[in-house]
Amino acid sequence: MNVDAYWRGGLAPLPVSKLPKEQDFQSNNVDTIIDTMREAHILTANHNVVQELESLYSWRKKDPRSSSSRLTRCESDRFQAALYRVWFLCALYGRPAPANRVGKAKSNRQEIQRDVNREQAKFLQSFTPSQITPLLEVWKFMVDLATWAVRAEIFPPKNCSYLKAYLVWCGPGTTLQAFRGNLTSVDRKVVHSLRPPYEHFCEVFNMAESLKQPGDGVLILPHECFLSKLKCQQCARAPLEGLWSESNWSYLRGVVPPSEFLNFVELPWWNSYTDAELLGDICRSTPYSQLIGEVFLLRSKAYRTWKPGCWLCTTCLQTFMRDNIEAFCRSREYPEQ
């Protein structure tokens, strides 16, 4: 196995039978894998990415009350194994891989891309049902994070076309950077010119959905996790689109982006153009957790029983924000000159 090529994401689209095996990366073979400090640093950096993504997965899929992972040891092992497999697929068939082996002729590029996609599909088919199910769950989670980063309007609007597929094609590290807001610009020419490779890369994962098997996902008992037992503490509904409390207000930005926030709160008759403009600026520059927290501090007497720690459905939160946003806007008014 050409380990050096693996670290650089430049493995050729080899037949599945000739790919490196997972046992090549077991702890008892570590001395044959890590030859340089650079490789050790890459392993450490990748491990940190995996740990952070596990905490995000736990926060979004199991227990939104905690930003630290609440996965059991078995669930953690399933998640990390699945994520490393996704990452390996990205190294083999994603952003770093095709660039080094695509010729100048368009027909040559198309033929190579077809070969890459065929080998990617064979690779996915080589997993057992108990392996492919968590792998596809983690892949869907990475797509959700990329979707969130695009909808949260972290990137300038002109850069957002096709960006979701591009981020996941680049791998978990790039997707996490985008979610954090640390990847605020992309080369639009690169995104556009590489559109066929990353769109086909994602399509192969979508076609593999038929290989999933119920009961073999990351969470051992998904119907018994904290999220599955939640209901809105005002209307008692358990909506599919999720519930909101101070522990996950920050995620609302990728669900209701700043450009849609004014429509979300249905600004009442009192609001002037100046107020709306001010609120729009605040939504773009203020973390949602801070914004909603300040509205709770300034809430009217009619809402005194509504606490920041309460779990609210999107409809109830919208009603609360609509009825209390005026005091917040007044508190942020520009001082008179």
C-alpha atoms as a PDB file:
ATOM      1  CA  MET A   1       0.000   0.000   0.000  1.00  0.00           C
ATOM      2  CA  ASN A   2       1.264   3.469  -0.859  1.00  0.00           C
ATOM      3  CA  VAL A   3       0.678   5.133   2.515  1.00  0.00           C
ATOM      4  CA  ASP A   4       2.182   8.409   1.373  1.00  0.00           C
ATOM      5  CA  ALA A   5      -0.357   8.597  -1.453  1.00  0.00           C
ATOM      6  CA  TYR A   6      -3.159   7.894   1.025  1.00  0.00           C
ATOM      7  CA  TRP A   7      -2.186  10.819   3.280  1.00  0.00           C
ATOM      8  CA  ARG A   8      -2.183  13.140   0.294  1.00  0.00           C
ATOM      9  CA  GLY A   9      -5.543  11.931  -0.984  1.00  0.00           C
ATOM     10  CA  GLY A  10      -3.977  10.785  -4.252  1.00  0.00           C
ATOM     11  CA  LEU A  11      -4.789   7.075  -4.357  1.00  0.00           C
ATOM     12  CA  ALA A  12      -5.657   5.894  -7.832  1.00  0.00           C
ATOM     13  CA  PRO A  13      -9.128   4.358  -8.404  1.00  0.00           C
ATOM     14  CA  LEU A  14      -7.877   0.836  -7.755  1.00  0.00           C
ATOM     15  CA  PRO A  15     -10.131  -2.207  -7.873  1.00  0.00           C
ATOM     16  CA  VAL A  16     -11.768  -2.845  -4.509  1.00  0.00           C
ATOM     17  CA  SER A  17      -9.743  -6.052  -4.079  1.00  0.00           C
ATOM     18  CA  LYS A  18      -6.511  -4.021  -4.159  1.00  0.00           C
ATOM     19  CA  LEU A  19      -7.544  -1.279  -1.750  1.00  0.00           C
ATOM     20  CA  PRO A  20      -5.827  -1.064   1.659  1.00  0.00           C
ATOM     21  CA  LYS A  21      -7.608  -3.118   4.297  1.00  0.00           C
ATOM     22  CA  GLU A  22      -8.807  -1.722   7.608  1.00  0.00           C
ATOM     23  CA  GLN A  23      -6.472  -4.066   9.474  1.00  0.00           C
ATOM     24  CA  ASP A  24      -3.587  -2.181   7.844  1.00  0.00           C
ATOM     25  CA  PHE A  25      -4.518   0.704  10.117  1.00  0.00           C
ATOM     26  CA  GLN A  26      -4.901  -1.231  13.393  1.00  0.00           C
ATOM     27  CA  SER A  27      -2.835  -0.180  16.401  1.00  0.00           C
ATOM     28  CA  ASN A  28      -0.468  -3.156  16.117  1.00  0.00           C
ATOM     29  CA  ASN A  29       0.543  -1.929  12.640  1.00  0.00           C
ATOM     30  CA  VAL A  30       0.953   1.719  13.625  1.00  0.00           C
ATOM     31  CA  ASP A  31       4.751   1.622  13.293  1.00  0.00           C
ATOM     32  CA  THR A  32       4.436   0.637   9.633  1.00  0.00           C
ATOM     33  CA  ILE A  33       1.946   3.437   8.933  1.00  0.00           C
ATOM     34  CA  ILE A  34       3.441   6.489  10.653  1.00  0.00           C
ATOM     35  CA  ASP A  35       6.863   7.227   9.215  1.00  0.00           C
ATOM     36  CA  THR A  36       7.111  10.967   9.795  1.00  0.00           C
ATOM     37  CA  MET A  37       5.972  13.654  12.228  1.00  0.00           C
ATOM     38  CA  ARG A  38       3.836  15.070   9.430  1.00  0.00           C
ATOM     39  CA  GLU A  39       1.836  11.860   9.262  1.00  0.00           C
ATOM     40  CA  ALA A  40       1.486  11.837  13.061  1.00  0.00           C
ATOM     41  CA  HIS A  41       0.168  15.402  12.938  1.00  0.00           C
ATOM     42  CA  ILE A  42      -2.328  14.451  10.227  1.00  0.00           C
ATOM     43  CA  LEU A  43      -3.619  11.560  12.334  1.00  0.00           C
ATOM     44  CA  THR A  44      -3.977  13.821  15.355  1.00  0.00           C
ATOM     45  CA  ALA A  45      -5.769  16.530  13.364  1.00  0.00           C
ATOM     46  CA  ASN A  46      -8.125  13.977  11.829  1.00  0.00           C
ATOM     47  CA  HIS A  47      -8.845  12.500  15.255  1.00  0.00           C
ATOM     48  CA  ASN A  48      -9.775  15.957  16.577  1.00  0.00           C
ATOM     49  CA  VAL A  49     -12.162  16.453  13.649  1.00  0.00           C
ATOM     50  CA  VAL A  50     -13.785  13.070  14.332  1.00  0.00           C
ATOM     51  CA  GLN A  51     -14.184  13.874  18.041  1.00  0.00           C
ATOM     52  CA  GLU A  52     -15.837  17.220  17.293  1.00  0.00           C
ATOM     53  CA  LEU A  53     -18.151  15.705  14.697  1.00  0.00           C
ATOM     54  CA  GLU A  54     -19.150  12.983  17.152  1.00  0.00           C
ATOM     55  CA  SER A  55     -20.139  15.640  19.684  1.00  0.00           C
ATOM     56  CA  LEU A  56     -22.158  17.442  17.000  1.00  0.00           C
ATOM     57  CA  TYR A  57     -23.853  14.188  15.996  1.00  0.00           C
ATOM     58  CA  SER A  58     -24.782  13.470  19.608  1.00  0.00           C
ATOM     59  CA  TRP A  59     -26.067  17.039  20.044  1.00  0.00           C
ATOM     60  CA  ARG A  60     -28.234  16.876  16.928  1.00  0.00           C
ATOM     61  CA  LYS A  61     -29.368  13.246  16.961  1.00  0.00           C
ATOM     62  CA  LYS A  62     -29.429  12.103  20.571  1.00  0.00           C
ATOM     63  CA  ASP A  63     -29.323  14.788  23.274  1.00  0.00           C
ATOM     64  CA  PRO A  64     -29.403  18.511  22.360  1.00  0.00           C
ATOM     65  CA  ARG A  65     -28.914  19.501  26.007  1.00  0.00           C
ATOM     66  CA  SER A  66     -25.197  18.772  25.857  1.00  0.00           C
ATOM     67  CA  SER A  67     -22.494  19.961  23.469  1.00  0.00           C
ATOM     68  CA  SER A  68     -20.346  16.986  24.535  1.00  0.00           C
ATOM     69  CA  SER A  69     -20.948  13.524  23.143  1.00  0.00           C
ATOM     70  CA  ARG A  70     -23.578  11.479  24.966  1.00  0.00           C
ATOM     71  CA  LEU A  71     -23.051   8.433  22.765  1.00  0.00           C
ATOM     72  CA  THR A  72     -22.390   5.148  24.508  1.00  0.00           C
ATOM     73  CA  ARG A  73     -19.064   3.420  23.923  1.00  0.00           C
ATOM     74  CA  CYS A  74     -20.657   1.136  21.336  1.00  0.00           C
ATOM     75  CA  GLU A  75     -22.410   4.044  19.574  1.00  0.00           C
ATOM     76  CA  SER A  76     -19.176   6.055  19.593  1.00  0.00           C
ATOM     77  CA  ASP A  77     -17.309   3.143  17.997  1.00  0.00           C
ATOM     78  CA  ARG A  78     -20.008   2.833  15.321  1.00  0.00           C
ATOM     79  CA  PHE A  79     -19.970   6.548  14.575  1.00  0.00           C
ATOM     80  CA  GLN A  80     -16.196   6.860  14.388  1.00  0.00           C
ATOM     81  CA  ALA A  81     -15.787   3.746  12.239  1.00  0.00           C
ATOM     82  CA  ALA A  82     -18.480   5.021   9.854  1.00  0.00           C
ATOM     83  CA  LEU A  83     -16.969   8.519   9.697  1.00  0.00           C
ATOM     84  CA  TYR A  84     -13.475   7.237   8.972  1.00  0.00           C
ATOM     85  CA  ARG A  85     -14.938   5.099   6.178  1.00  0.00           C
ATOM     86  CA  VAL A  86     -16.718   8.132   4.732  1.00  0.00           C
ATOM     87  CA  TRP A  87     -13.469  10.086   4.974  1.00  0.00           C
ATOM     88  CA  PHE A  88     -11.589   7.291   3.233  1.00  0.00           C
ATOM     89  CA  LEU A  89     -14.168   7.334   0.437  1.00  0.00           C
ATOM     90  CA  CYS A  90     -13.658  11.079   0.088  1.00  0.00           C
ATOM     91  CA  ALA A  91      -9.882  10.578  -0.115  1.00  0.00           C
ATOM     92  CA  LEU A  92     -10.293   7.882  -2.751  1.00  0.00           C
ATOM     93  CA  TYR A  93     -13.057   9.326  -4.894  1.00  0.00           C
ATOM     94  CA  GLY A  94     -13.672  12.872  -3.631  1.00  0.00           C
ATOM     95  CA  ARG A  95     -11.995  16.274  -4.026  1.00  0.00           C
ATOM     96  CA  PRO A  96      -8.301  15.368  -3.618  1.00  0.00           C
ATOM     97  CA  ALA A  97      -8.415  12.174  -5.643  1.00  0.00           C
ATOM     98  CA  PRO A  98      -9.517  12.871  -9.256  1.00  0.00           C
ATOM     99  CA  ALA A  99      -7.555  16.106  -9.679  1.00  0.00           C
ATOM    100  CA  ASN A 100      -4.205  14.307  -9.975  1.00  0.00           C
ATOM    101  CA  ARG A 101      -5.287  11.844 -12.592  1.00  0.00           C
ATOM    102  CA  VAL A 102      -7.577  13.780 -14.929  1.00  0.00           C
ATOM    103  CA  GLY A 103      -6.105  14.543 -18.333  1.00  0.00           C
ATOM    104  CA  LYS A 104      -6.587  17.699 -20.361  1.00  0.00           C
ATOM    105  CA  ALA A 105      -8.948  16.221 -22.929  1.00  0.00           C
ATOM    106  CA  LYS A 106     -12.617  16.501 -21.989  1.00  0.00           C
ATOM    107  CA  SER A 107     -13.392  12.969 -23.198  1.00  0.00           C
ATOM    108  CA  ASN A 108     -10.529  11.650 -21.083  1.00  0.00           C
ATOM    109  CA  ARG A 109     -11.859  13.453 -17.999  1.00  0.00           C
ATOM    110  CA  GLN A 110     -15.340  12.022 -18.549  1.00  0.00           C
ATOM    111  CA  GLU A 111     -14.040   8.479 -18.941  1.00  0.00           C
ATOM    112  CA  ILE A 112     -11.915   8.747 -15.807  1.00  0.00           C
ATOM    113  CA  GLN A 113     -14.881  10.154 -13.872  1.00  0.00           C
ATOM    114  CA  ARG A 114     -17.029   7.200 -14.935  1.00  0.00           C
ATOM    115  CA  ASP A 115     -14.288   4.835 -13.760  1.00  0.00           C
ATOM    116  CA  VAL A 116     -14.077   6.673 -10.436  1.00  0.00           C
ATOM    117  CA  ASN A 117     -17.841   6.463  -9.902  1.00  0.00           C
ATOM    118  CA  ARG A 118     -17.959   2.767 -10.803  1.00  0.00           C
ATOM    119  CA  GLU A 119     -15.199   1.958  -8.325  1.00  0.00           C
ATOM    120  CA  GLN A 120     -16.859   4.120  -5.683  1.00  0.00           C
ATOM    121  CA  ALA A 121     -20.107   2.156  -6.119  1.00  0.00           C
ATOM    122  CA  LYS A 122     -18.246  -1.168  -5.881  1.00  0.00           C
ATOM    123  CA  PHE A 123     -16.486   0.024  -2.749  1.00  0.00           C
ATOM    124  CA  LEU A 124     -19.795   0.887  -1.071  1.00  0.00           C
ATOM    125  CA  GLN A 125     -21.237  -2.469  -2.102  1.00  0.00           C
ATOM    126  CA  SER A 126     -18.291  -4.242  -0.469  1.00  0.00           C
ATOM    127  CA  PHE A 127     -19.523  -3.318   3.027  1.00  0.00           C
ATOM    128  CA  THR A 128     -21.807  -5.598   4.996  1.00  0.00           C
ATOM    129  CA  PRO A 129     -25.314  -4.322   5.885  1.00  0.00           C
ATOM    130  CA  SER A 130     -24.190  -3.705   9.477  1.00  0.00           C
ATOM    131  CA  GLN A 131     -21.352  -1.511   8.154  1.00  0.00           C
ATOM    132  CA  ILE A 132     -23.124   0.323   5.329  1.00  0.00           C
ATOM    133  CA  THR A 133     -26.114   1.428   7.438  1.00  0.00           C
ATOM    134  CA  PRO A 134     -24.154   3.590   9.927  1.00  0.00           C
ATOM    135  CA  LEU A 135     -21.889   4.735   7.080  1.00  0.00           C
ATOM    136  CA  LEU A 136     -24.857   6.101   5.146  1.00  0.00           C
ATOM    137  CA  GLU A 137     -26.320   7.633   8.314  1.00  0.00           C
ATOM    138  CA  VAL A 138     -23.069   9.491   8.945  1.00  0.00           C
ATOM    139  CA  TRP A 139     -22.916  10.532   5.284  1.00  0.00           C
ATOM    140  CA  LYS A 140     -26.446  11.982   5.594  1.00  0.00           C
ATOM    141  CA  PHE A 141     -25.345  13.798   8.753  1.00  0.00           C
ATOM    142  CA  MET A 142     -22.409  15.355   6.864  1.00  0.00           C
ATOM    143  CA  VAL A 143     -24.818  16.464   4.114  1.00  0.00           C
ATOM    144  CA  ASP A 144     -27.046  18.027   6.805  1.00  0.00           C
ATOM    145  CA  LEU A 145     -24.090  19.990   8.205  1.00  0.00           C
ATOM    146  CA  ALA A 146     -23.130  21.202   4.713  1.00  0.00           C
ATOM    147  CA  THR A 147     -26.750  22.198   4.052  1.00  0.00           C
ATOM    148  CA  TRP A 148     -26.810  24.103   7.337  1.00  0.00           C
ATOM    149  CA  ALA A 149     -23.585  25.968   6.497  1.00  0.00           C
ATOM    150  CA  VAL A 150     -25.038  27.089   3.152  1.00  0.00           C
ATOM    151  CA  ARG A 151     -28.448  28.094   4.559  1.00  0.00           C
ATOM    152  CA  ALA A 152     -26.878  29.939   7.497  1.00  0.00           C
ATOM    153  CA  GLU A 153     -25.578  32.465   4.952  1.00  0.00           C
ATOM    154  CA  ILE A 154     -22.011  32.273   6.168  1.00  0.00           C
ATOM    155  CA  PHE A 155     -20.927  32.367   2.529  1.00  0.00           C
ATOM    156  CA  PRO A 156     -21.720  35.267   0.188  1.00  0.00           C
ATOM    157  CA  PRO A 157     -24.860  34.364  -1.833  1.00  0.00           C
ATOM    158  CA  LYS A 158     -22.939  34.364  -5.129  1.00  0.00           C
ATOM    159  CA  ASN A 159     -20.803  31.460  -3.849  1.00  0.00           C
ATOM    160  CA  CYS A 160     -23.649  29.193  -2.764  1.00  0.00           C
ATOM    161  CA  SER A 161     -24.587  27.510  -6.032  1.00  0.00           C
ATOM    162  CA  TYR A 162     -23.823  23.751  -5.808  1.00  0.00           C
ATOM    163  CA  LEU A 163     -21.854  24.447  -2.602  1.00  0.00           C
ATOM    164  CA  LYS A 164     -23.488  21.781  -0.417  1.00  0.00           C
ATOM    165  CA  ALA A 165     -22.354  18.897  -2.629  1.00  0.00           C
ATOM    166  CA  TYR A 166     -18.938  20.519  -3.059  1.00  0.00           C
ATOM    167  CA  LEU A 167     -18.346  20.680   0.722  1.00  0.00           C
ATOM    168  CA  VAL A 168     -19.141  17.022   1.411  1.00  0.00           C
ATOM    169  CA  TRP A 169     -17.093  15.984  -1.645  1.00  0.00           C
ATOM    170  CA  CYS A 170     -14.092  17.744  -0.102  1.00  0.00           C
ATOM    171  CA  GLY A 171     -14.379  15.599   3.038  1.00  0.00           C
ATOM    172  CA  PRO A 172     -15.399  15.842   6.716  1.00  0.00           C
ATOM    173  CA  GLY A 173     -12.624  18.291   7.579  1.00  0.00           C
ATOM    174  CA  THR A 174     -13.819  20.865   5.042  1.00  0.00           C
ATOM    175  CA  THR A 175     -17.477  20.336   5.962  1.00  0.00           C
ATOM    176  CA  LEU A 176     -16.691  20.927   9.646  1.00  0.00           C
ATOM    177  CA  GLN A 177     -14.745  24.077   8.781  1.00  0.00           C
ATOM    178  CA  ALA A 178     -17.764  25.399   6.884  1.00  0.00           C
ATOM    179  CA  PHE A 179     -20.096  24.558   9.766  1.00  0.00           C
ATOM    180  CA  ARG A 180     -17.830  26.391  12.214  1.00  0.00           C
ATOM    181  CA  GLY A 181     -17.797  29.422   9.930  1.00  0.00           C
ATOM    182  CA  ASN A 182     -14.044  29.105   9.405  1.00  0.00           C
ATOM    183  CA  LEU A 183     -14.423  28.516   5.664  1.00  0.00           C
ATOM    184  CA  THR A 184     -15.980  31.786   4.608  1.00  0.00           C
ATOM    185  CA  SER A 185     -14.927  31.873   0.953  1.00  0.00           C
ATOM    186  CA  VAL A 186     -14.513  29.403  -1.881  1.00  0.00           C
ATOM    187  CA  ASP A 187     -13.162  29.678  -5.406  1.00  0.00           C
ATOM    188  CA  ARG A 188     -16.327  29.967  -7.494  1.00  0.00           C
ATOM    189  CA  LYS A 189     -14.482  28.980 -10.671  1.00  0.00           C
ATOM    190  CA  VAL A 190     -13.300  25.749  -9.033  1.00  0.00           C
ATOM    191  CA  VAL A 191     -16.752  24.974  -7.659  1.00  0.00           C
ATOM    192  CA  HIS A 192     -18.340  25.449 -11.084  1.00  0.00           C
ATOM    193  CA  SER A 193     -15.669  23.649 -13.125  1.00  0.00           C
ATOM    194  CA  LEU A 194     -15.679  20.588 -10.838  1.00  0.00           C
ATOM    195  CA  ARG A 195     -19.459  20.296 -10.669  1.00  0.00           C
ATOM    196  CA  PRO A 196     -19.808  16.908 -12.464  1.00  0.00           C
ATOM    197  CA  PRO A 197     -17.320  15.062 -10.187  1.00  0.00           C
ATOM    198  CA  TYR A 198     -18.850  16.151  -6.898  1.00  0.00           C
ATOM    199  CA  GLU A 199     -22.450  15.769  -8.041  1.00  0.00           C
ATOM    200  CA  HIS A 200     -21.778  12.229  -9.301  1.00  0.00           C
ATOM    201  CA  PHE A 201     -19.883  11.453  -6.092  1.00  0.00           C
ATOM    202  CA  CYS A 202     -22.986  12.333  -4.057  1.00  0.00           C
ATOM    203  CA  GLU A 203     -25.318  10.454  -6.403  1.00  0.00           C
ATOM    204  CA  VAL A 204     -23.432   7.198  -5.770  1.00  0.00           C
ATOM    205  CA  PHE A 205     -24.156   7.550  -2.038  1.00  0.00           C
ATOM    206  CA  ASN A 206     -27.824   8.237  -2.758  1.00  0.00           C
ATOM    207  CA  MET A 207     -28.079   5.085  -4.898  1.00  0.00           C
ATOM    208  CA  ALA A 208     -26.529   3.043  -2.072  1.00  0.00           C
ATOM    209  CA  GLU A 209     -29.472   3.855   0.233  1.00  0.00           C
ATOM    210  CA  SER A 210     -31.127   0.598  -0.831  1.00  0.00           C
ATOM    211  CA  LEU A 211     -28.337  -1.307   0.953  1.00  0.00           C
ATOM    212  CA  LYS A 212     -29.332   0.014   4.381  1.00  0.00           C
ATOM    213  CA  GLN A 213     -30.735  -2.394   6.935  1.00  0.00           C
ATOM    214  CA  PRO A 214     -33.105  -1.335   9.745  1.00  0.00           C
ATOM    215  CA  GLY A 215     -31.659  -1.588  13.233  1.00  0.00           C
ATOM    216  CA  ASP A 216     -27.983  -1.305  12.330  1.00  0.00           C
ATOM    217  CA  GLY A 217     -27.571   2.457  12.679  1.00  0.00           C
ATOM    218  CA  VAL A 218     -25.280   4.465  14.932  1.00  0.00           C
ATOM    219  CA  LEU A 219     -27.767   4.761  17.811  1.00  0.00           C
ATOM    220  CA  ILE A 220     -28.534   1.436  19.455  1.00  0.00           C
ATOM    221  CA  LEU A 221     -32.011   2.435  20.715  1.00  0.00           C
ATOM    222  CA  PRO A 222     -32.964   5.526  18.700  1.00  0.00           C
ATOM    223  CA  HIS A 223     -36.570   5.495  19.940  1.00  0.00           C
ATOM    224  CA  GLU A 224     -35.434   5.759  23.559  1.00  0.00           C
ATOM    225  CA  CYS A 225     -33.060   8.721  23.240  1.00  0.00           C
ATOM    226  CA  PHE A 226     -33.901  12.067  24.825  1.00  0.00           C
ATOM    227  CA  LEU A 227     -34.964  13.675  21.550  1.00  0.00           C
ATOM    228  CA  SER A 228     -37.595  11.031  20.808  1.00  0.00           C
ATOM    229  CA  LYS A 229     -39.386  11.756  24.098  1.00  0.00           C
ATOM    230  CA  LEU A 230     -39.591  15.535  23.708  1.00  0.00           C
ATOM    231  CA  LYS A 231     -42.761  17.514  23.143  1.00  0.00           C
ATOM    232  CA  CYS A 232     -43.332  21.233  22.909  1.00  0.00           C
ATOM    233  CA  GLN A 233     -43.920  22.523  26.438  1.00  0.00           C
ATOM    234  CA  GLN A 234     -46.532  24.994  25.218  1.00  0.00           C
ATOM    235  CA  CYS A 235     -48.648  23.165  22.642  1.00  0.00           C
ATOM    236  CA  ALA A 236     -47.643  19.583  23.598  1.00  0.00           C
ATOM    237  CA  ARG A 237     -46.863  18.641  19.994  1.00  0.00           C
ATOM    238  CA  ALA A 238     -43.869  16.565  18.909  1.00  0.00           C
ATOM    239  CA  PRO A 239     -43.105  18.139  15.517  1.00  0.00           C
ATOM    240  CA  LEU A 240     -40.859  16.461  12.984  1.00  0.00           C
ATOM    241  CA  GLU A 241     -38.945  19.661  12.283  1.00  0.00           C
ATOM    242  CA  GLY A 242     -37.505  19.719  15.783  1.00  0.00           C
ATOM    243  CA  LEU A 243     -37.777  21.559  19.084  1.00  0.00           C
ATOM    244  CA  TRP A 244     -35.839  24.553  20.329  1.00  0.00           C
ATOM    245  CA  SER A 245     -34.319  25.474  23.676  1.00  0.00           C
ATOM    246  CA  GLU A 246     -31.363  27.603  24.772  1.00  0.00           C
ATOM    247  CA  SER A 247     -29.038  24.624  24.252  1.00  0.00           C
ATOM    248  CA  ASN A 248     -29.714  24.522  20.491  1.00  0.00           C
ATOM    249  CA  TRP A 249     -30.893  28.024  19.528  1.00  0.00           C
ATOM    250  CA  SER A 250     -27.655  28.488  17.615  1.00  0.00           C
ATOM    251  CA  TYR A 251     -28.707  25.790  15.128  1.00  0.00           C
ATOM    252  CA  LEU A 252     -31.782  27.795  14.162  1.00  0.00           C
ATOM    253  CA  ARG A 253     -29.631  30.026  11.942  1.00  0.00           C
ATOM    254  CA  GLY A 254     -29.276  27.247   9.371  1.00  0.00           C
ATOM    255  CA  VAL A 255     -33.032  26.534   9.536  1.00  0.00           C
ATOM    256  CA  VAL A 256     -34.266  30.133   9.465  1.00  0.00           C
ATOM    257  CA  PRO A 257     -31.380  32.100   7.869  1.00  0.00           C
ATOM    258  CA  PRO A 258     -30.993  35.853   8.472  1.00  0.00           C
ATOM    259  CA  SER A 259     -32.581  36.735   5.128  1.00  0.00           C
ATOM    260  CA  GLU A 260     -35.756  34.871   6.188  1.00  0.00           C
ATOM    261  CA  PHE A 261     -35.811  35.933   9.817  1.00  0.00           C
ATOM    262  CA  LEU A 262     -38.046  38.952   9.263  1.00  0.00           C
ATOM    263  CA  ASN A 263     -40.638  36.732   7.563  1.00  0.00           C
ATOM    264  CA  PHE A 264     -40.224  34.138  10.301  1.00  0.00           C
ATOM    265  CA  VAL A 265     -41.215  36.543  13.089  1.00  0.00           C
ATOM    266  CA  GLU A 266     -44.005  38.126  10.984  1.00  0.00           C
ATOM    267  CA  LEU A 267     -43.122  41.678  12.007  1.00  0.00           C
ATOM    268  CA  PRO A 268     -46.242  43.461  13.370  1.00  0.00           C
ATOM    269  CA  TRP A 269     -47.738  46.743  12.235  1.00  0.00           C
ATOM    270  CA  TRP A 270     -45.602  48.902  14.557  1.00  0.00           C
ATOM    271  CA  ASN A 271     -42.393  48.069  12.767  1.00  0.00           C
ATOM    272  CA  SER A 272     -40.960  50.766  10.543  1.00  0.00           C
ATOM    273  CA  TYR A 273     -38.510  50.292   7.671  1.00  0.00           C
ATOM    274  CA  THR A 274     -35.718  51.538   9.934  1.00  0.00           C
ATOM    275  CA  ASP A 275     -36.589  48.953  12.598  1.00  0.00           C
ATOM    276  CA  ALA A 276     -36.628  46.159  10.027  1.00  0.00           C
ATOM    277  CA  GLU A 277     -33.300  47.264   8.595  1.00  0.00           C
ATOM    278  CA  LEU A 278     -31.792  47.361  12.082  1.00  0.00           C
ATOM    279  CA  LEU A 279     -33.151  43.918  12.932  1.00  0.00           C
ATOM    280  CA  GLY A 280     -31.814  42.532   9.652  1.00  0.00           C
ATOM    281  CA  ASP A 281     -28.334  43.814  10.462  1.00  0.00           C
ATOM    282  CA  ILE A 282     -28.546  42.332  13.961  1.00  0.00           C
ATOM    283  CA  CYS A 283     -29.650  38.928  12.634  1.00  0.00           C
ATOM    284  CA  ARG A 284     -26.658  38.787  10.312  1.00  0.00           C
ATOM    285  CA  SER A 285     -24.111  39.872  12.922  1.00  0.00           C
ATOM    286  CA  THR A 286     -25.411  38.365  16.189  1.00  0.00           C
ATOM    287  CA  PRO A 287     -25.367  34.652  17.088  1.00  0.00           C
ATOM    288  CA  TYR A 288     -28.931  33.382  17.261  1.00  0.00           C
ATOM    289  CA  SER A 289     -28.381  32.021  20.766  1.00  0.00           C
ATOM    290  CA  GLN A 290     -27.555  35.550  21.953  1.00  0.00           C
ATOM    291  CA  LEU A 291     -30.372  37.169  19.979  1.00  0.00           C
ATOM    292  CA  ILE A 292     -33.110  34.841  21.251  1.00  0.00           C
ATOM    293  CA  GLY A 293     -31.660  34.964  24.773  1.00  0.00           C
ATOM    294  CA  GLU A 294     -31.949  38.768  24.802  1.00  0.00           C
ATOM    295  CA  VAL A 295     -35.553  38.586  23.593  1.00  0.00           C
ATOM    296  CA  PHE A 296     -36.316  36.240  26.503  1.00  0.00           C
ATOM    297  CA  LEU A 297     -34.795  38.717  28.940  1.00  0.00           C
ATOM    298  CA  LEU A 298     -37.054  41.471  27.544  1.00  0.00           C
ATOM    299  CA  ARG A 299     -40.214  39.373  27.159  1.00  0.00           C
ATOM    300  CA  SER A 300     -43.564  40.831  28.138  1.00  0.00           C
ATOM    301  CA  LYS A 301     -45.548  39.925  31.250  1.00  0.00           C
ATOM    302  CA  ALA A 302     -47.814  37.723  29.154  1.00  0.00           C
ATOM    303  CA  TYR A 303     -44.829  35.446  28.508  1.00  0.00           C
ATOM    304  CA  ARG A 304     -43.228  35.460  31.971  1.00  0.00           C
ATOM    305  CA  THR A 305     -43.906  31.747  32.397  1.00  0.00           C
ATOM    306  CA  TRP A 306     -41.974  30.978  29.209  1.00  0.00           C
ATOM    307  CA  LYS A 307     -38.443  30.098  30.299  1.00  0.00           C
ATOM    308  CA  PRO A 308     -35.299  29.908  28.119  1.00  0.00           C
ATOM    309  CA  GLY A 309     -34.893  26.268  29.103  1.00  0.00           C
ATOM    310  CA  CYS A 310     -38.361  25.330  27.804  1.00  0.00           C
ATOM    311  CA  TRP A 311     -38.566  23.237  24.651  1.00  0.00           C
ATOM    312  CA  LEU A 312     -40.637  24.990  21.991  1.00  0.00           C
ATOM    313  CA  CYS A 313     -41.736  23.908  18.549  1.00  0.00           C
ATOM    314  CA  THR A 314     -40.942  26.216  15.653  1.00  0.00           C
ATOM    315  CA  THR A 315     -44.500  27.580  15.576  1.00  0.00           C
ATOM    316  CA  CYS A 316     -44.529  28.473  19.287  1.00  0.00           C
ATOM    317  CA  LEU A 317     -41.059  30.006  19.086  1.00  0.00           C
ATOM    318  CA  GLN A 318     -42.191  32.050  16.101  1.00  0.00           C
ATOM    319  CA  THR A 319     -45.192  33.337  18.059  1.00  0.00           C
ATOM    320  CA  PHE A 320     -42.986  34.194  21.029  1.00  0.00           C
ATOM    321  CA  MET A 321     -40.460  36.079  18.883  1.00  0.00           C
ATOM    322  CA  ARG A 322     -43.187  37.946  16.999  1.00  0.00           C
ATOM    323  CA  ASP A 323     -44.847  39.166  20.194  1.00  0.00           C
ATOM    324  CA  ASN A 324     -41.619  40.145  21.972  1.00  0.00           C
ATOM    325  CA  ILE A 325     -39.267  41.363  19.261  1.00  0.00           C
ATOM    326  CA  GLU A 326     -40.381  44.989  19.617  1.00  0.00           C
ATOM    327  CA  ALA A 327     -38.744  45.452  23.018  1.00  0.00           C
ATOM    328  CA  PHE A 328     -35.568  43.913  21.642  1.00  0.00           C
ATOM    329  CA  CYS A 329     -35.527  46.291  18.665  1.00  0.00           C
ATOM    330  CA  ARG A 330     -36.120  49.268  20.932  1.00  0.00           C
ATOM    331  CA  SER A 331     -33.186  48.205  23.091  1.00  0.00           C
ATOM    332  CA  ARG A 332     -30.958  48.163  20.007  1.00  0.00           C
ATOM    333  CA  GLU A 333     -32.068  51.470  18.488  1.00  0.00           C
ATOM    334  CA  TYR A 334     -29.338  53.787  17.370  1.00  0.00           C
ATOM    335  CA  PRO A 335     -28.886  56.698  19.799  1.00  0.00           C
ATOM    336  CA  GLU A 336     -30.233  60.005  18.599  1.00  0.00           C
ATOM    337  CA  GLN A 337     -27.638  62.409  17.293  1.00  0.00           C
END
